[in-house]
PDB file of all heavy atoms in Angstrom:
ATOM      1  N   LEU A   1     264.237  92.772-178.154  1.00  0.00           N
ATOM      2  CA  LEU A   1     264.824  91.782-177.268  1.00  0.00           C
ATOM      3  C   LEU A   1     264.607  90.390-177.828  1.00  0.00           C
ATOM      4  O   LEU A   1     263.563  90.013-178.321  1.00  0.00           O
ATOM      5  CB  LEU A   1     264.174  91.887-175.863  1.00  0.00           C
ATOM      6  CG  LEU A   1     264.439  93.187-175.041  1.00  0.00           C
ATOM      7  CD1 LEU A   1     263.605  93.139-173.785  1.00  0.00           C
ATOM      8  CD2 LEU A   1     265.954  93.223-174.710  1.00  0.00           C
ATOM      9  N   PRO A   2     265.728  89.532-177.719  1.00  0.00           N
ATOM     10  CA  PRO A   2     265.541  88.194-178.193  1.00  0.00           C
ATOM     11  C   PRO A   2     264.643  87.351-177.249  1.00  0.00           C
ATOM     12  O   PRO A   2     264.499  87.692-176.111  1.00  0.00           O
ATOM     13  CB  PRO A   2     267.013  87.638-178.193  1.00  0.00           C
ATOM     14  CG  PRO A   2     267.698  88.482-177.158  1.00  0.00           C
ATOM     15  CD  PRO A   2     267.039  89.824-177.237  1.00  0.00           C
ATOM     16  N   GLN A   3     264.101  86.339-177.791  1.00  0.00           N
ATOM     17  CA  GLN A   3     263.218  85.395-177.036  1.00  0.00           C
ATOM     18  C   GLN A   3     261.945  85.976-176.532  1.00  0.00           C
ATOM     19  O   GLN A   3     261.212  85.405-175.752  1.00  0.00           O
ATOM     20  CB  GLN A   3     263.985  84.771-175.869  1.00  0.00           C
ATOM     21  CG  GLN A   3     265.041  83.732-176.288  1.00  0.00           C
ATOM     22  CD  GLN A   3     264.417  82.581-177.049  1.00  0.00           C
ATOM     23  OE1 GLN A   3     264.377  82.522-178.258  1.00  0.00           O
ATOM     24  NE2 GLN A   3     263.835  81.629-176.303  1.00  0.00           N
ATOM     25  N   LEU A   4     261.628  87.240-176.952  1.00  0.00           N
ATOM     26  CA  LEU A   4     260.334  87.894-176.737  1.00  0.00           C
ATOM     27  C   LEU A   4     259.709  88.271-178.049  1.00  0.00           C
ATOM     28  O   LEU A   4     260.406  88.619-179.016  1.00  0.00           O
ATOM     29  CB  LEU A   4     260.437  89.133-175.866  1.00  0.00           C
ATOM     30  CG  LEU A   4     261.053  88.992-174.477  1.00  0.00           C
ATOM     31  CD1 LEU A   4     260.886  90.337-173.713  1.00  0.00           C
ATOM     32  CD2 LEU A   4     260.409  87.876-173.641  1.00  0.00           C
ATOM     33  N   ARG A   5     258.383  88.218-178.128  1.00  0.00           N
ATOM     34  CA  ARG A   5     257.698  88.798-179.246  1.00  0.00           C
ATOM     35  C   ARG A   5     256.665  89.797-178.716  1.00  0.00           C
ATOM     36  O   ARG A   5     255.698  89.437-178.030  1.00  0.00           O
ATOM     37  CB  ARG A   5     256.985  87.752-180.069  1.00  0.00           C
ATOM     38  CG  ARG A   5     256.273  88.366-181.297  1.00  0.00           C
ATOM     39  CD  ARG A   5     255.446  87.385-182.101  1.00  0.00           C
ATOM     40  NE  ARG A   5     254.679  88.089-183.101  1.00  0.00           N
ATOM     41  CZ  ARG A   5     253.606  87.600-183.731  1.00  0.00           C
ATOM     42  NH1 ARG A   5     253.247  86.336-183.472  1.00  0.00           N
ATOM     43  NH2 ARG A   5     252.924  88.314-184.589  1.00  0.00           N
ATOM     44  N   LEU A   6     256.883  91.091-178.969  1.00  0.00           N
ATOM     45  CA  LEU A   6     255.972  92.094-178.502  1.00  0.00           C
ATOM     46  C   LEU A   6     254.696  92.037-179.361  1.00  0.00           C
ATOM     47  O   LEU A   6     254.707  92.293-180.550  1.00  0.00           O
ATOM     48  CB  LEU A   6     256.604  93.478-178.654  1.00  0.00           C
ATOM     49  CG  LEU A   6     255.716  94.652-178.189  1.00  0.00           C
ATOM     50  CD1 LEU A   6     255.314  94.558-176.750  1.00  0.00           C
ATOM     51  CD2 LEU A   6     256.394  95.989-178.447  1.00  0.00           C
ATOM     52  N   ARG A   7     253.593  91.765-178.674  1.00  0.00           N
ATOM     53  CA  ARG A   7     252.306  91.580-179.388  1.00  0.00           C
ATOM     54  C   ARG A   7     251.402  92.824-179.263  1.00  0.00           C
ATOM     55  O   ARG A   7     250.592  93.056-180.152  1.00  0.00           O
ATOM     56  CB  ARG A   7     251.558  90.311-178.793  1.00  0.00           C
ATOM     57  CG  ARG A   7     252.270  89.033-179.060  1.00  0.00           C
ATOM     58  CD  ARG A   7     252.365  88.720-180.511  1.00  0.00           C
ATOM     59  NE  ARG A   7     251.060  88.484-181.053  1.00  0.00           N
ATOM     60  CZ  ARG A   7     250.410  87.322-181.107  1.00  0.00           C
ATOM     61  NH1 ARG A   7     250.969  86.212-180.628  1.00  0.00           N
ATOM     62  NH2 ARG A   7     249.228  87.180-181.622  1.00  0.00           N
ATOM     63  N   GLY A   8     251.477  93.547-178.144  1.00  0.00           N
ATOM     64  CA  GLY A   8     250.562  94.665-178.013  1.00  0.00           C
ATOM     65  C   GLY A   8     250.558  95.305-176.648  1.00  0.00           C
ATOM     66  O   GLY A   8     251.597  95.330-175.936  1.00  0.00           O
ATOM     67  N   LEU A   9     249.365  95.776-176.272  1.00  0.00           N
ATOM     68  CA  LEU A   9     249.200  96.534-174.999  1.00  0.00           C
ATOM     69  C   LEU A   9     248.097  95.849-174.217  1.00  0.00           C
ATOM     70  O   LEU A   9     247.163  95.254-174.684  1.00  0.00           O
ATOM     71  CB  LEU A   9     248.801  97.968-175.254  1.00  0.00           C
ATOM     72  CG  LEU A   9     249.717  98.848-176.160  1.00  0.00           C
ATOM     73  CD1 LEU A   9     249.137 100.236-176.234  1.00  0.00           C
ATOM     74  CD2 LEU A   9     251.137  98.821-175.607  1.00  0.00           C
ATOM     75  N   MET A  10     248.214  96.030-172.879  1.00  0.00           N
ATOM     76  CA  MET A  10     247.183  95.676-171.955  1.00  0.00           C
ATOM     77  C   MET A  10     246.849  96.846-171.047  1.00  0.00           C
ATOM     78  O   MET A  10     247.734  97.648-170.722  1.00  0.00           O
ATOM     79  CB  MET A  10     247.617  94.506-171.040  1.00  0.00           C
ATOM     80  CG  MET A  10     246.539  93.959-170.102  1.00  0.00           C
ATOM     81  SD  MET A  10     246.566  94.753-168.444  1.00  0.00           S
ATOM     82  CE  MET A  10     247.646  93.598-167.607  1.00  0.00           C
ATOM     83  N   ALA A  11     245.564  97.067-170.749  1.00  0.00           N
ATOM     84  CA  ALA A  11     245.172  98.142-169.874  1.00  0.00           C
ATOM     85  C   ALA A  11     243.991  97.695-169.004  1.00  0.00           C
ATOM     86  O   ALA A  11     243.264  96.801-169.337  1.00  0.00           O
ATOM     87  CB  ALA A  11     244.747  99.369-170.624  1.00  0.00           C
ATOM     88  N   ILE A  12     243.966  98.249-167.790  1.00  0.00           N
ATOM     89  CA  ILE A  12     242.902  97.991-166.828  1.00  0.00           C
ATOM     90  C   ILE A  12     242.264  99.341-166.383  1.00  0.00           C
ATOM     91  O   ILE A  12     242.695  99.892-165.390  1.00  0.00           O
ATOM     92  CB  ILE A  12     243.407  97.185-165.574  1.00  0.00           C
ATOM     93  CG1 ILE A  12     244.270  96.025-165.974  1.00  0.00           C
ATOM     94  CG2 ILE A  12     242.247  96.816-164.682  1.00  0.00           C
ATOM     95  CD1 ILE A  12     244.904  95.328-164.781  1.00  0.00           C
ATOM     96  N   PRO A  13     241.414  99.838-167.184  1.00  0.00           N
ATOM     97  CA  PRO A  13     240.810 101.139-166.850  1.00  0.00           C
ATOM     98  C   PRO A  13     240.041 101.127-165.518  1.00  0.00           C
ATOM     99  O   PRO A  13     239.559 100.054-165.117  1.00  0.00           O
ATOM    100  CB  PRO A  13     239.872 101.466-168.007  1.00  0.00           C
ATOM    101  CG  PRO A  13     240.366 100.587-169.114  1.00  0.00           C
ATOM    102  CD  PRO A  13     240.937  99.382-168.481  1.00  0.00           C
ATOM    103  N   GLU A  14     239.975 102.235-164.882  1.00  0.00           N
ATOM    104  CA  GLU A  14     239.170 102.354-163.643  1.00  0.00           C
ATOM    105  C   GLU A  14     237.672 102.021-163.984  1.00  0.00           C
ATOM    106  O   GLU A  14     237.247 102.289-165.099  1.00  0.00           O
ATOM    107  CB  GLU A  14     239.246 103.754-163.078  1.00  0.00           C
ATOM    108  CG  GLU A  14     240.584 104.075-162.434  1.00  0.00           C
ATOM    109  CD  GLU A  14     240.875 103.261-161.197  1.00  0.00           C
ATOM    110  OE1 GLU A  14     239.916 103.020-160.399  1.00  0.00           O
ATOM    111  OE2 GLU A  14     242.018 102.891-161.018  1.00  0.00           O
ATOM    112  N   PRO A  15     236.941 101.450-163.053  1.00  0.00           N
ATOM    113  CA  PRO A  15     235.508 101.210-163.305  1.00  0.00           C
ATOM    114  C   PRO A  15     234.824 102.527-163.617  1.00  0.00           C
ATOM    115  O   PRO A  15     235.156 103.597-163.050  1.00  0.00           O
ATOM    116  CB  PRO A  15     235.022 100.631-161.947  1.00  0.00           C
ATOM    117  CG  PRO A  15     236.222 100.086-161.322  1.00  0.00           C
ATOM    118  CD  PRO A  15     237.349 100.956-161.698  1.00  0.00           C
ATOM    119  N   ALA A  16     233.893 102.473-164.536  1.00  0.00           N
ATOM    120  CA  ALA A  16     233.134 103.647-164.956  1.00  0.00           C
ATOM    121  C   ALA A  16     231.648 103.332-164.923  1.00  0.00           C
ATOM    122  O   ALA A  16     231.253 102.158-165.007  1.00  0.00           O
ATOM    123  CB  ALA A  16     233.536 104.034-166.380  1.00  0.00           C
ATOM    124  N   PRO A  17     230.762 104.315-164.772  1.00  0.00           N
ATOM    125  CA  PRO A  17     229.401 104.063-164.442  1.00  0.00           C
ATOM    126  C   PRO A  17     228.538 103.646-165.626  1.00  0.00           C
ATOM    127  O   PRO A  17     227.383 103.078-165.359  1.00  0.00           O
ATOM    128  CB  PRO A  17     228.909 105.461-163.901  1.00  0.00           C
ATOM    129  CG  PRO A  17     229.804 106.436-164.611  1.00  0.00           C
ATOM    130  CD  PRO A  17     231.115 105.791-164.650  1.00  0.00           C
ATOM    131  N   ASP A  18     228.897 103.873-166.813  1.00  0.00           N
ATOM    132  CA  ASP A  18     228.063 103.517-167.950  1.00  0.00           C
ATOM    133  C   ASP A  18     228.889 103.231-169.203  1.00  0.00           C
ATOM    134  O   ASP A  18     230.132 103.399-169.199  1.00  0.00           O
ATOM    135  CB  ASP A  18     226.987 104.596-168.244  1.00  0.00           C
ATOM    136  CG  ASP A  18     227.706 105.991-168.464  1.00  0.00           C
ATOM    137  OD1 ASP A  18     228.728 106.001-169.145  1.00  0.00           O
ATOM    138  OD2 ASP A  18     227.175 106.986-167.976  1.00  0.00           O
ATOM    139  N   PHE A  19     228.210 102.754-170.226  1.00  0.00           N
ATOM    140  CA  PHE A  19     228.940 102.343-171.458  1.00  0.00           C
ATOM    141  C   PHE A  19     229.753 103.478-172.119  1.00  0.00           C
ATOM    142  O   PHE A  19     230.884 103.181-172.408  1.00  0.00           O
ATOM    143  CB  PHE A  19     227.899 101.837-172.469  1.00  0.00           C
ATOM    144  CG  PHE A  19     228.523 101.441-173.796  1.00  0.00           C
ATOM    145  CD1 PHE A  19     228.927 100.142-174.033  1.00  0.00           C
ATOM    146  CD2 PHE A  19     228.615 102.330-174.799  1.00  0.00           C
ATOM    147  CE1 PHE A  19     229.429  99.779-175.249  1.00  0.00           C
ATOM    148  CE2 PHE A  19     229.146 101.997-176.060  1.00  0.00           C
ATOM    149  CZ  PHE A  19     229.560 100.698-176.268  1.00  0.00           C
ATOM    150  N   ALA A  20     229.160 104.639-172.099  1.00  0.00           N
ATOM    151  CA  ALA A  20     229.870 105.795-172.739  1.00  0.00           C
ATOM    152  C   ALA A  20     231.197 106.078-171.964  1.00  0.00           C
ATOM    153  O   ALA A  20     232.249 106.297-172.603  1.00  0.00           O
ATOM    154  CB  ALA A  20     228.990 106.958-172.813  1.00  0.00           C
ATOM    155  N   ALA A  21     231.057 106.106-170.661  1.00  0.00           N
ATOM    156  CA  ALA A  21     232.351 106.432-169.918  1.00  0.00           C
ATOM    157  C   ALA A  21     233.364 105.312-169.920  1.00  0.00           C
ATOM    158  O   ALA A  21     234.570 105.524-170.055  1.00  0.00           O
ATOM    159  CB  ALA A  21     231.884 106.658-168.392  1.00  0.00           C
ATOM    160  N   GLN A  22     232.827 104.069-169.954  1.00  0.00           N
ATOM    161  CA  GLN A  22     233.746 102.912-170.106  1.00  0.00           C
ATOM    162  C   GLN A  22     234.462 102.998-171.476  1.00  0.00           C
ATOM    163  O   GLN A  22     235.675 102.788-171.556  1.00  0.00           O
ATOM    164  CB  GLN A  22     232.982 101.583-170.022  1.00  0.00           C
ATOM    165  CG  GLN A  22     232.449 101.278-168.664  1.00  0.00           C
ATOM    166  CD  GLN A  22     231.467 100.099-168.716  1.00  0.00           C
ATOM    167  OE1 GLN A  22     231.046  99.635-169.803  1.00  0.00           O
ATOM    168  NE2 GLN A  22     231.088  99.607-167.522  1.00  0.00           N
ATOM    169  N   ARG A  23     233.676 103.280-172.455  1.00  0.00           N
ATOM    170  CA  ARG A  23     234.263 103.320-173.851  1.00  0.00           C
ATOM    171  C   ARG A  23     235.332 104.432-173.985  1.00  0.00           C
ATOM    172  O   ARG A  23     236.332 104.233-174.639  1.00  0.00           O
ATOM    173  CB  ARG A  23     233.144 103.519-174.916  1.00  0.00           C
ATOM    174  CG  ARG A  23     233.642 103.415-176.338  1.00  0.00           C
ATOM    175  CD  ARG A  23     232.507 103.408-177.303  1.00  0.00           C
ATOM    176  NE  ARG A  23     232.896 103.184-178.654  1.00  0.00           N
ATOM    177  CZ  ARG A  23     233.354 104.113-179.511  1.00  0.00           C
ATOM    178  NH1 ARG A  23     233.397 105.419-179.109  1.00  0.00           N
ATOM    179  NH2 ARG A  23     233.738 103.800-180.732  1.00  0.00           N
ATOM    180  N   GLU A  24     235.057 105.574-173.328  1.00  0.00           N
ATOM    181  CA  GLU A  24     235.974 106.694-173.400  1.00  0.00           C
ATOM    182  C   GLU A  24     237.353 106.271-172.782  1.00  0.00           C
ATOM    183  O   GLU A  24     238.397 106.553-173.363  1.00  0.00           O
ATOM    184  CB  GLU A  24     235.429 107.919-172.600  1.00  0.00           C
ATOM    185  CG  GLU A  24     236.408 109.042-172.490  1.00  0.00           C
ATOM    186  CD  GLU A  24     236.876 109.614-173.832  1.00  0.00           C
ATOM    187  OE1 GLU A  24     236.034 109.548-174.824  1.00  0.00           O
ATOM    188  OE2 GLU A  24     237.984 110.067-173.938  1.00  0.00           O
TER     189      GLU A  24
END
């Protein structure tokens, strides 16, 4: 599409209880 530059992705994962689950 003209006048846009696709840079990447955005995500909002569900809250997770610890680092390992967040990272997954």
